Amino acid sequence: MSAATTAPPAHVSRTGKGINFGRAIRSEWIKLRTVPSTVVLLSITLVVMVGLAVLSGWGLAMSAGFQDMPPEQQAQMAESGVQGLQGAAYTVPAGGIIFGQLLIASLAVVLIASEWGTGMIRSTMVAVPKRVPALLAKNLVIAAVSFVIGVVAALISYFVAQPFLAGEDLDFAITHDGILASIVNTGTYLALIAIISMAIGTMLRNTAGGIVTAVGLFFVLPVIVVNILAGLADWIPDAARFLPTNAGQQLVAIEIADDALNQWQGGLVMAAWAVGLLVISLIVAKRRDV
């Protein structure tokens, strides 16, 4: 009788370093840049942000023409609020931020909610079993891309708008107090918008619902609070300053009103919204089934 022999298991070479956060980020970056629709949407965001900012600069230059009008007409236009053109010119580099936040918010929601909706999130979780690092990698990639889009758009807007502004002596140096910070914070603002929106998409797991919720939070709610509810109580206008977009837009402000948050305060308030919603979304993702 011969003894049964069992072949020893084949040796499995483990030359790689395994799954880590850096590789998760690289994977999300590859997924982002290899989807044509995403690249097209980001390109459109950049182009339109620059276009709107340049259009704003051209409009200011045209408005400055009232200085050549008769004194009576100048006074009439000044009473209508056409004044402080130089101060308005300082805001031109960030002039496309409203449109930018709409597209970035929509993109962030679509990127995460579509994975939940189609079931593709399961592949992500198989590759990166721990949900928190996988979702953090997604947030970091879209935030970084949004930051770059915002900074590049504001920087290009500054240089392209200067010839229009120079015709009416409204041009200014990039080293002017607050200008460079406003350009950089245009990217910071869009990055925070992306994180808030991706958190909404993670919690709702529905593309349409996530986009509607983000648009409501960023655009509709401030209008309702400031224009409709403000007369109900004295504290409501003060509370409206702490809505994410109202606070976050102070990041790109050059001149600060007496009763408004400054750049640091506005940035911290919006960052608190982003961190708070991100933490809630991570908790929800861990507790719910994929």
Protein backbone atom coordinates (compact mmCIF):
# COMPACT_ATOMS: atom_id res chain seq x y z
CA MET A 1 0.00 0.00 0.00
CA SER A 2 1.45 3.27 -0.99
CA ALA A 3 1.00 6.33 1.14
CA ALA A 4 -0.98 9.15 -0.42
CA THR A 5 1.05 12.20 -1.04
CA THR A 6 -0.20 15.74 -1.22
CA ALA A 7 1.60 18.25 -3.32
CA PRO A 8 2.75 21.21 -1.30
CA PRO A 9 0.87 24.42 -2.06
CA ALA A 10 2.42 26.61 -4.63
CA HIS A 11 4.32 29.50 -3.21
CA VAL A 12 2.51 32.77 -3.77
CA SER A 13 4.84 35.64 -4.37
CA ARG A 14 3.88 38.79 -2.55
CA THR A 15 6.15 41.37 -4.03
CA GLY A 16 3.59 44.19 -3.91
CA LYS A 17 2.90 46.38 -0.95
CA GLY A 18 -0.80 45.59 -0.86
CA ILE A 19 -3.65 48.05 -0.64
CA ASN A 20 -2.87 51.44 0.84
CA PHE A 21 -4.40 54.88 0.79
CA GLY A 22 -1.97 56.15 -1.85
CA ARG A 23 -3.00 53.42 -4.27
CA ALA A 24 -6.65 54.12 -3.56
CA ILE A 25 -6.10 57.76 -4.49
CA ARG A 26 -4.26 56.77 -7.67
CA SER A 27 -7.10 54.44 -8.62
CA GLU A 28 -9.70 57.19 -8.16
CA TRP A 29 -7.58 59.61 -10.17
CA ILE A 30 -7.37 57.12 -13.04
CA LYS A 31 -11.14 56.59 -12.96
CA LEU A 32 -11.76 60.34 -12.97
CA ARG A 33 -9.48 61.26 -15.86
CA THR A 34 -10.36 58.31 -18.10
CA VAL A 35 -14.09 59.08 -18.25
CA PRO A 36 -14.56 61.40 -21.27
CA SER A 37 -17.72 63.05 -19.95
CA THR A 38 -15.95 64.06 -16.75
CA VAL A 39 -13.05 65.61 -18.65
CA VAL A 40 -15.46 67.47 -20.93
CA LEU A 41 -17.47 68.80 -17.98
CA LEU A 42 -14.36 70.01 -16.19
CA SER A 43 -13.13 71.69 -19.38
CA ILE A 44 -16.49 73.41 -19.82
CA THR A 45 -16.37 74.57 -16.21
CA LEU A 46 -12.96 76.13 -16.74
CA VAL A 47 -13.88 77.83 -20.02
CA VAL A 48 -17.21 79.23 -18.84
CA MET A 49 -15.78 80.48 -15.53
CA VAL A 50 -13.16 82.41 -17.47
CA GLY A 51 -15.74 83.64 -19.96
CA LEU A 52 -18.09 84.94 -17.28
CA ALA A 53 -15.27 86.68 -15.44
CA VAL A 54 -14.04 88.36 -18.63
CA LEU A 55 -17.59 89.38 -19.48
CA SER A 56 -17.86 90.91 -16.02
CA GLY A 57 -14.67 92.87 -16.60
CA TRP A 58 -15.91 94.09 -19.97
CA GLY A 59 -19.19 95.18 -18.39
CA LEU A 60 -17.37 97.16 -15.72
CA ALA A 61 -15.26 98.88 -18.35
CA MET A 62 -18.40 99.82 -20.24
CA SER A 63 -20.01 101.11 -17.04
CA ALA A 64 -17.01 103.32 -16.38
CA GLY A 65 -17.93 105.33 -19.48
CA PHE A 66 -20.50 107.28 -17.48
CA GLN A 67 -17.61 109.35 -16.11
CA ASP A 68 -17.51 111.20 -19.44
CA MET A 69 -21.16 112.11 -19.21
CA PRO A 70 -22.56 115.46 -18.03
CA PRO A 71 -22.48 116.00 -14.23
CA GLU A 72 -26.26 115.71 -13.95
CA GLN A 73 -26.26 112.27 -15.57
CA GLN A 74 -23.29 111.15 -13.48
CA ALA A 75 -25.18 112.07 -10.30
CA GLN A 76 -28.28 110.23 -11.48
CA MET A 77 -26.31 107.03 -12.17
CA ALA A 78 -24.43 107.34 -8.87
CA GLU A 79 -27.76 107.49 -7.03
CA SER A 80 -28.70 104.26 -8.82
CA GLY A 81 -25.66 102.52 -7.32
CA VAL A 82 -23.24 102.72 -10.23
CA GLN A 83 -20.20 103.53 -8.14
CA GLY A 84 -17.21 101.81 -6.62
CA LEU A 85 -16.19 100.39 -9.99
CA GLN A 86 -12.60 99.86 -8.88
CA GLY A 87 -13.79 97.79 -5.95
CA ALA A 88 -15.99 95.77 -8.29
CA ALA A 89 -13.03 95.27 -10.65
CA TYR A 90 -11.13 93.51 -7.87
CA THR A 91 -13.78 90.76 -7.87
CA VAL A 92 -13.43 89.99 -11.59
CA PRO A 93 -10.99 87.03 -11.24
CA ALA A 94 -13.54 85.15 -9.14
CA GLY A 95 -16.46 86.32 -11.28
CA GLY A 96 -17.29 82.83 -12.60
CA ILE A 97 -17.48 81.14 -9.22
CA ILE A 98 -21.28 80.84 -9.13
CA PHE A 99 -21.42 78.88 -12.37
CA GLY A 100 -18.37 76.89 -11.33
CA GLN A 101 -19.94 75.74 -8.09
CA LEU A 102 -23.05 74.54 -9.93
CA LEU A 103 -21.07 72.26 -12.26
CA ILE A 104 -18.62 71.08 -9.58
CA ALA A 105 -21.49 70.25 -7.21
CA SER A 106 -23.31 68.31 -9.93
CA LEU A 107 -20.16 66.44 -10.91
CA ALA A 108 -19.31 65.47 -7.34
CA VAL A 109 -22.82 64.11 -6.76
CA VAL A 110 -22.82 62.18 -10.03
CA LEU A 111 -19.40 60.61 -9.41
CA ILE A 112 -20.44 58.98 -6.14
CA ALA A 113 -24.21 58.55 -6.47
CA SER A 114 -23.92 56.86 -9.89
CA GLU A 115 -21.62 54.23 -8.37
CA TRP A 116 -24.17 53.45 -5.69
CA GLY A 117 -27.01 53.46 -8.21
CA THR A 118 -25.35 51.14 -10.73
CA GLY A 119 -23.70 48.87 -8.17
CA MET A 120 -20.19 49.78 -9.32
CA ILE A 121 -19.43 50.76 -5.74
CA ARG A 122 -19.15 47.03 -4.99
CA SER A 123 -16.09 46.79 -7.22
CA THR A 124 -14.54 49.71 -5.37
CA MET A 125 -15.22 48.08 -2.02
CA VAL A 126 -13.76 44.78 -3.21
CA ALA A 127 -10.56 46.56 -4.24
CA VAL A 128 -10.51 48.66 -1.06
CA PRO A 129 -12.44 46.66 1.56
CA LYS A 130 -12.38 49.42 4.16
CA ARG A 131 -15.09 51.88 3.21
CA VAL A 132 -13.70 54.96 4.92
CA PRO A 133 -10.37 55.05 3.04
CA ALA A 134 -12.15 54.36 -0.25
CA LEU A 135 -14.59 57.24 0.23
CA LEU A 136 -11.91 59.57 1.55
CA ALA A 137 -9.86 58.89 -1.58
CA LYS A 138 -12.83 59.85 -3.76
CA ASN A 139 -13.34 63.06 -1.79
CA LEU A 140 -9.67 63.97 -1.91
CA VAL A 141 -9.40 63.48 -5.67
CA ILE A 142 -12.49 65.53 -6.58
CA ALA A 143 -11.52 68.23 -4.07
CA ALA A 144 -8.01 68.49 -5.51
CA VAL A 145 -9.28 68.66 -9.09
CA SER A 146 -11.86 71.29 -8.13
CA PHE A 147 -9.19 73.34 -6.39
CA VAL A 148 -6.99 73.32 -9.47
CA ILE A 149 -9.90 74.23 -11.76
CA GLY A 150 -10.81 77.15 -9.52
CA VAL A 151 -7.30 78.54 -9.21
CA VAL A 152 -6.50 78.17 -12.91
CA ALA A 153 -9.83 79.74 -13.95
CA ALA A 154 -9.36 82.72 -11.62
CA LEU A 155 -5.75 83.20 -12.71
CA ILE A 156 -6.60 83.12 -16.41
CA SER A 157 -9.55 85.43 -15.77
CA TYR A 158 -7.27 87.95 -14.11
CA PHE A 159 -4.87 88.16 -17.04
CA VAL A 160 -7.52 88.09 -19.78
CA ALA A 161 -9.67 90.77 -18.13
CA GLN A 162 -6.85 93.26 -17.55
CA PRO A 163 -6.83 94.71 -21.11
CA PHE A 164 -10.56 95.51 -20.84
CA LEU A 165 -10.12 97.11 -17.43
CA ALA A 166 -6.99 99.02 -18.46
CA GLY A 167 -8.97 100.98 -21.03
CA GLU A 168 -10.80 102.73 -18.18
CA ASP A 169 -7.91 102.75 -15.69
CA LEU A 170 -9.55 99.95 -13.68
CA ASP A 171 -6.68 97.48 -14.05
CA PHE A 172 -4.75 96.39 -10.98
CA ALA A 173 -1.68 94.37 -10.05
CA ILE A 174 -1.99 90.77 -8.97
CA THR A 175 0.02 91.75 -5.89
CA HIS A 176 -2.69 94.21 -4.81
CA ASP A 177 -3.89 93.52 -1.28
CA GLY A 178 -6.17 90.46 -1.26
CA ILE A 179 -6.11 89.65 -4.99
CA LEU A 180 -3.78 86.66 -4.88
CA ALA A 181 -5.60 85.25 -1.85
CA SER A 182 -8.92 85.63 -3.68
CA ILE A 183 -7.54 83.73 -6.69
CA VAL A 184 -6.27 80.87 -4.52
CA ASN A 185 -9.45 80.78 -2.45
CA THR A 186 -11.55 80.45 -5.58
CA GLY A 187 -10.06 76.96 -5.73
CA THR A 188 -10.55 76.44 -1.99
CA TYR A 189 -14.21 77.36 -2.30
CA LEU A 190 -14.83 74.92 -5.16
CA ALA A 191 -12.96 72.17 -3.29
CA LEU A 192 -15.24 72.59 -0.27
CA ILE A 193 -18.28 72.65 -2.56
CA ALA A 194 -17.11 69.32 -4.01
CA ILE A 195 -16.72 67.71 -0.57
CA ILE A 196 -20.15 68.87 0.60
CA SER A 197 -21.76 67.66 -2.62
CA MET A 198 -20.05 64.27 -2.55
CA ALA A 199 -21.19 63.84 1.04
CA ILE A 200 -24.77 64.56 -0.05
CA GLY A 201 -24.45 62.03 -2.87
CA THR A 202 -23.03 59.42 -0.51
CA MET A 203 -25.89 59.84 1.95
CA LEU A 204 -28.71 59.88 -0.62
CA ARG A 205 -27.22 57.39 -3.12
CA ASN A 206 -29.38 58.94 -5.82
CA THR A 207 -28.07 61.17 -8.58
CA ALA A 208 -31.18 63.26 -9.19
CA GLY A 209 -31.98 63.60 -5.51
CA GLY A 210 -28.40 64.52 -4.68
CA ILE A 211 -28.17 67.22 -7.34
CA VAL A 212 -31.52 68.73 -6.32
CA THR A 213 -30.46 68.73 -2.67
CA ALA A 214 -27.11 70.35 -3.45
CA VAL A 215 -28.71 73.01 -5.63
CA GLY A 216 -31.28 73.67 -2.93
CA LEU A 217 -28.61 74.04 -0.26
CA PHE A 218 -26.28 76.23 -2.32
CA PHE A 219 -28.73 78.36 -4.32
CA VAL A 220 -32.33 78.14 -3.14
CA LEU A 221 -31.99 78.12 0.64
CA PRO A 222 -29.92 81.35 0.83
CA VAL A 223 -32.47 83.17 -1.33
CA ILE A 224 -35.38 81.97 0.80
CA VAL A 225 -33.67 82.86 4.07
CA VAL A 226 -32.38 86.28 2.99
CA ASN A 227 -35.30 87.49 0.85
CA ILE A 228 -38.34 85.80 2.39
CA LEU A 229 -37.65 84.79 5.97
CA ALA A 230 -35.41 87.69 6.98
CA GLY A 231 -38.36 89.86 8.03
CA LEU A 232 -39.72 87.30 10.47
CA ALA A 233 -37.04 87.79 13.12
CA ASP A 234 -33.94 89.91 13.64
CA TRP A 235 -31.69 86.89 14.12
CA ILE A 236 -32.47 85.33 10.73
CA PRO A 237 -30.25 87.65 8.63
CA ASP A 238 -27.41 87.04 11.09
CA ALA A 239 -27.93 83.27 10.87
CA ALA A 240 -27.95 83.45 7.07
CA ARG A 241 -24.28 84.43 7.17
CA PHE A 242 -23.49 80.90 8.32
CA LEU A 243 -25.05 79.10 5.36
CA PRO A 244 -22.29 77.33 3.42
CA THR A 245 -22.29 79.47 0.28
CA ASN A 246 -22.89 82.77 2.08
CA ALA A 247 -19.96 82.06 4.39
CA GLY A 248 -17.77 80.46 1.75
CA GLN A 249 -18.03 83.33 -0.69
CA GLN A 250 -16.31 85.52 1.87
CA LEU A 251 -13.19 83.52 0.97
CA VAL A 252 -12.94 85.41 -2.32
CA ALA A 253 -14.11 88.77 -1.00
CA ILE A 254 -11.70 91.70 -1.26
CA GLU A 255 -13.65 94.28 0.73
CA ILE A 256 -15.48 93.09 3.86
CA ALA A 257 -18.67 94.79 5.05
CA ASP A 258 -18.93 95.74 8.71
CA ASP A 259 -21.51 93.08 9.58
CA ALA A 260 -20.05 90.32 7.40
CA LEU A 261 -17.70 87.44 8.18
CA ASN A 262 -14.10 87.98 7.16
CA GLN A 263 -12.19 85.58 4.91
CA TRP A 264 -10.94 83.38 7.75
CA GLN A 265 -14.29 83.22 9.49
CA GLY A 266 -16.16 82.47 6.26
CA GLY A 267 -13.66 79.81 5.31
CA LEU A 268 -13.85 78.12 8.71
CA VAL A 269 -17.64 78.09 8.64
CA MET A 270 -17.73 76.48 5.21
CA ALA A 271 -15.00 74.04 6.20
CA ALA A 272 -17.10 73.07 9.23
CA TRP A 273 -20.02 72.31 6.89
CA ALA A 274 -17.75 70.21 4.68
CA VAL A 275 -16.16 68.26 7.54
CA GLY A 276 -19.46 67.75 9.34
CA LEU A 277 -21.28 66.41 6.28
CA LEU A 278 -18.27 64.30 5.30
CA VAL A 279 -18.18 62.63 8.73
CA ILE A 280 -21.93 61.98 8.63
CA SER A 281 -21.65 60.48 5.14
CA LEU A 282 -18.83 58.18 6.25
CA ILE A 283 -20.87 56.97 9.23
CA VAL A 284 -23.89 56.35 7.00
CA ALA A 285 -21.77 54.49 4.44
CA LYS A 286 -20.29 52.23 7.13
CA ARG A 287 -23.65 51.33 8.64
CA ARG A 288 -25.63 50.75 5.45
CA ASP A 289 -25.28 47.86 3.05
CA VAL A 290 -23.39 48.45 -0.17
